[in-house]
């Protein structure tokens, strides 16, 4: 599973883009390095997969320059079997107005 987050300003310029990958990460007995192949996997070192009926919260920190009135935020969740093979699961998009958020009092 891959979560892709993108933020664009009101003129369409990309301000932020990142991907977070959710999968089980396995290792062999030689160290904490992730290995591929069923013949080499001996233990799970990290499990960041989505669990049934358990909410998952993610936070993204986006630095903004002055003069931006609104930010378009887009989140895409998809299953990626191989690079290029994407099966869309969820898509969310919202315009966030910034007017009055950063004014000095």
C-alpha atoms as a PDB file:
ATOM      1  CA  UNK A   1       0.000   0.000   0.000  1.00  0.00           C
ATOM      2  CA  UNK A   2       1.243   3.463  -0.877  1.00  0.00           C
ATOM      3  CA  UNK A   3      -0.065   6.794   0.419  1.00  0.00           C
ATOM      4  CA  UNK A   4       0.873   9.730  -1.796  1.00  0.00           C
ATOM      5  CA  UNK A   5       0.383  13.277  -0.487  1.00  0.00           C
ATOM      6  CA  UNK A   6       0.617  16.365  -2.708  1.00  0.00           C
ATOM      7  CA  UNK A   7       0.101  20.047  -1.890  1.00  0.00           C
ATOM      8  CA  UNK A   8      -0.173  22.809  -4.502  1.00  0.00           C
ATOM      9  CA  UNK A   9      -0.614  26.540  -4.085  1.00  0.00           C
ATOM     10  CA  UNK A  10      -3.506  28.513  -5.583  1.00  0.00           C
ATOM     11  CA  UNK A  11      -1.497  29.008  -8.810  1.00  0.00           C
ATOM     12  CA  UNK A  12      -0.949  25.271  -9.306  1.00  0.00           C
ATOM     13  CA  UNK A  13       2.718  25.160  -8.256  1.00  0.00           C
ATOM     14  CA  UNK A  14       3.694  22.022  -6.356  1.00  0.00           C
ATOM     15  CA  UNK A  15       4.747  22.856  -2.789  1.00  0.00           C
ATOM     16  CA  UNK A  16       5.051  19.376  -1.325  1.00  0.00           C
ATOM     17  CA  UNK A  17       4.991  15.772  -2.494  1.00  0.00           C
ATOM     18  CA  UNK A  18       5.796  12.588  -0.626  1.00  0.00           C
ATOM     19  CA  UNK A  19       5.000   8.882  -0.584  1.00  0.00           C
ATOM     20  CA  UNK A  20       4.709   6.574   2.398  1.00  0.00           C
ATOM     21  CA  UNK A  21       4.872   2.838   1.873  1.00  0.00           C
ATOM     22  CA  UNK A  22       3.010   0.461   4.186  1.00  0.00           C
ATOM     23  CA  UNK A  23       4.307  -3.105   4.166  1.00  0.00           C
ATOM     24  CA  UNK A  24       5.892  -5.776   6.292  1.00  0.00           C
ATOM     25  CA  UNK A  25       9.681  -5.471   6.313  1.00  0.00           C
ATOM     26  CA  UNK A  26      11.582  -8.716   6.781  1.00  0.00           C
ATOM     27  CA  UNK A  27      15.224  -9.509   7.530  1.00  0.00           C
ATOM     28  CA  UNK A  28      17.541 -12.478   7.754  1.00  0.00           C
ATOM     29  CA  UNK A  29      19.617 -13.440  10.797  1.00  0.00           C
ATOM     30  CA  UNK A  30      22.653 -11.465   9.579  1.00  0.00           C
ATOM     31  CA  UNK A  31      21.417  -7.981  10.478  1.00  0.00           C
ATOM     32  CA  UNK A  32      18.629  -5.398  10.331  1.00  0.00           C
ATOM     33  CA  UNK A  33      18.835  -4.873   6.546  1.00  0.00           C
ATOM     34  CA  UNK A  34      15.624  -5.579   4.621  1.00  0.00           C
ATOM     35  CA  UNK A  35      15.907  -8.619   2.333  1.00  0.00           C
ATOM     36  CA  UNK A  36      13.824  -9.827  -0.587  1.00  0.00           C
ATOM     37  CA  UNK A  37      12.933 -13.382  -1.504  1.00  0.00           C
ATOM     38  CA  UNK A  38      11.012 -15.997   0.503  1.00  0.00           C
ATOM     39  CA  UNK A  39      14.111 -18.171   0.917  1.00  0.00           C
ATOM     40  CA  UNK A  40      15.957 -15.446   2.879  1.00  0.00           C
ATOM     41  CA  UNK A  41      13.253 -13.978   5.142  1.00  0.00           C
ATOM     42  CA  UNK A  42      13.523 -15.131   8.742  1.00  0.00           C
ATOM     43  CA  UNK A  43      11.960 -12.403  10.852  1.00  0.00           C
ATOM     44  CA  UNK A  44       9.786  -9.318  10.715  1.00  0.00           C
ATOM     45  CA  UNK A  45      11.629  -6.168  11.810  1.00  0.00           C
ATOM     46  CA  UNK A  46       8.807  -3.712  11.136  1.00  0.00           C
ATOM     47  CA  UNK A  47       5.147  -3.992  10.257  1.00  0.00           C
ATOM     48  CA  UNK A  48       3.584  -0.776   8.992  1.00  0.00           C
ATOM     49  CA  UNK A  49       0.652  -2.433   7.210  1.00  0.00           C
ATOM     50  CA  UNK A  50      -2.951  -1.341   7.668  1.00  0.00           C
ATOM     51  CA  UNK A  51      -4.757  -3.476  10.221  1.00  0.00           C
ATOM     52  CA  UNK A  52      -8.490  -4.252   9.951  1.00  0.00           C
ATOM     53  CA  UNK A  53     -10.784  -1.929  11.945  1.00  0.00           C
ATOM     54  CA  UNK A  54      -7.813  -0.004  13.383  1.00  0.00           C
ATOM     55  CA  UNK A  55      -7.578   3.679  12.408  1.00  0.00           C
ATOM     56  CA  UNK A  56      -4.204   4.987  11.283  1.00  0.00           C
ATOM     57  CA  UNK A  57      -3.255   8.649  11.677  1.00  0.00           C
ATOM     58  CA  UNK A  58      -0.590  10.321   9.552  1.00  0.00           C
ATOM     59  CA  UNK A  59       0.764  13.849   9.814  1.00  0.00           C
ATOM     60  CA  UNK A  60       2.480  15.862   7.098  1.00  0.00           C
ATOM     61  CA  UNK A  61       4.433  19.045   7.780  1.00  0.00           C
ATOM     62  CA  UNK A  62       4.340  21.467   4.841  1.00  0.00           C
ATOM     63  CA  UNK A  63       6.414  24.656   4.862  1.00  0.00           C
ATOM     64  CA  UNK A  64       4.638  27.585   3.240  1.00  0.00           C
ATOM     65  CA  UNK A  65       6.029  30.859   1.966  1.00  0.00           C
ATOM     66  CA  UNK A  66       4.173  34.142   2.376  1.00  0.00           C
ATOM     67  CA  UNK A  67       1.576  35.304  -0.113  1.00  0.00           C
ATOM     68  CA  UNK A  68      -0.210  31.980  -0.545  1.00  0.00           C
ATOM     69  CA  UNK A  69      -3.969  32.330  -0.149  1.00  0.00           C
ATOM     70  CA  UNK A  70      -4.993  28.659  -0.392  1.00  0.00           C
ATOM     71  CA  UNK A  71      -3.441  25.202  -0.639  1.00  0.00           C
ATOM     72  CA  UNK A  72      -4.902  22.288  -2.585  1.00  0.00           C
ATOM     73  CA  UNK A  73      -4.181  19.049  -0.715  1.00  0.00           C
ATOM     74  CA  UNK A  74      -4.533  15.708  -2.476  1.00  0.00           C
ATOM     75  CA  UNK A  75      -4.135  12.245  -0.944  1.00  0.00           C
ATOM     76  CA  UNK A  76      -4.088   9.050  -2.976  1.00  0.00           C
ATOM     77  CA  UNK A  77      -4.046   5.568  -1.479  1.00  0.00           C
ATOM     78  CA  UNK A  78      -3.245   2.753  -3.871  1.00  0.00           C
ATOM     79  CA  UNK A  79      -1.956  -0.796  -3.975  1.00  0.00           C
ATOM     80  CA  UNK A  80       1.282  -1.157  -5.915  1.00  0.00           C
ATOM     81  CA  UNK A  81       2.282  -4.665  -6.874  1.00  0.00           C
ATOM     82  CA  UNK A  82       5.178  -3.547  -9.096  1.00  0.00           C
ATOM     83  CA  UNK A  83       6.416  -0.099 -10.134  1.00  0.00           C
ATOM     84  CA  UNK A  84       3.887   1.212 -12.634  1.00  0.00           C
ATOM     85  CA  UNK A  85       1.101  -1.186 -11.566  1.00  0.00           C
ATOM     86  CA  UNK A  86      -1.171   0.912  -9.351  1.00  0.00           C
ATOM     87  CA  UNK A  87      -4.621  -0.142  -8.191  1.00  0.00           C
ATOM     88  CA  UNK A  88      -6.438   2.922  -6.762  1.00  0.00           C
ATOM     89  CA  UNK A  89      -8.183   2.422  -3.424  1.00  0.00           C
ATOM     90  CA  UNK A  90      -9.046   5.921  -2.206  1.00  0.00           C
ATOM     91  CA  UNK A  91      -8.663   9.498  -3.431  1.00  0.00           C
ATOM     92  CA  UNK A  92      -9.231  12.612  -1.295  1.00  0.00           C
ATOM     93  CA  UNK A  93      -8.876  16.249  -2.330  1.00  0.00           C
ATOM     94  CA  UNK A  94      -9.544  19.478  -0.437  1.00  0.00           C
ATOM     95  CA  UNK A  95      -8.809  23.186  -0.832  1.00  0.00           C
ATOM     96  CA  UNK A  96      -7.572  24.701   2.447  1.00  0.00           C
ATOM     97  CA  UNK A  97      -7.916  28.502   2.687  1.00  0.00           C
ATOM     98  CA  UNK A  98      -5.047  30.191   4.540  1.00  0.00           C
ATOM     99  CA  UNK A  99      -6.554  33.664   4.910  1.00  0.00           C
ATOM    100  CA  UNK A 100      -6.161  34.875   8.487  1.00  0.00           C
ATOM    101  CA  UNK A 101      -4.165  31.884   9.745  1.00  0.00           C
ATOM    102  CA  UNK A 102      -0.776  33.578   9.900  1.00  0.00           C
ATOM    103  CA  UNK A 103      -1.650  37.146  10.850  1.00  0.00           C
ATOM    104  CA  UNK A 104       0.110  38.754  13.805  1.00  0.00           C
ATOM    105  CA  UNK A 105      -2.103  39.859  16.675  1.00  0.00           C
END
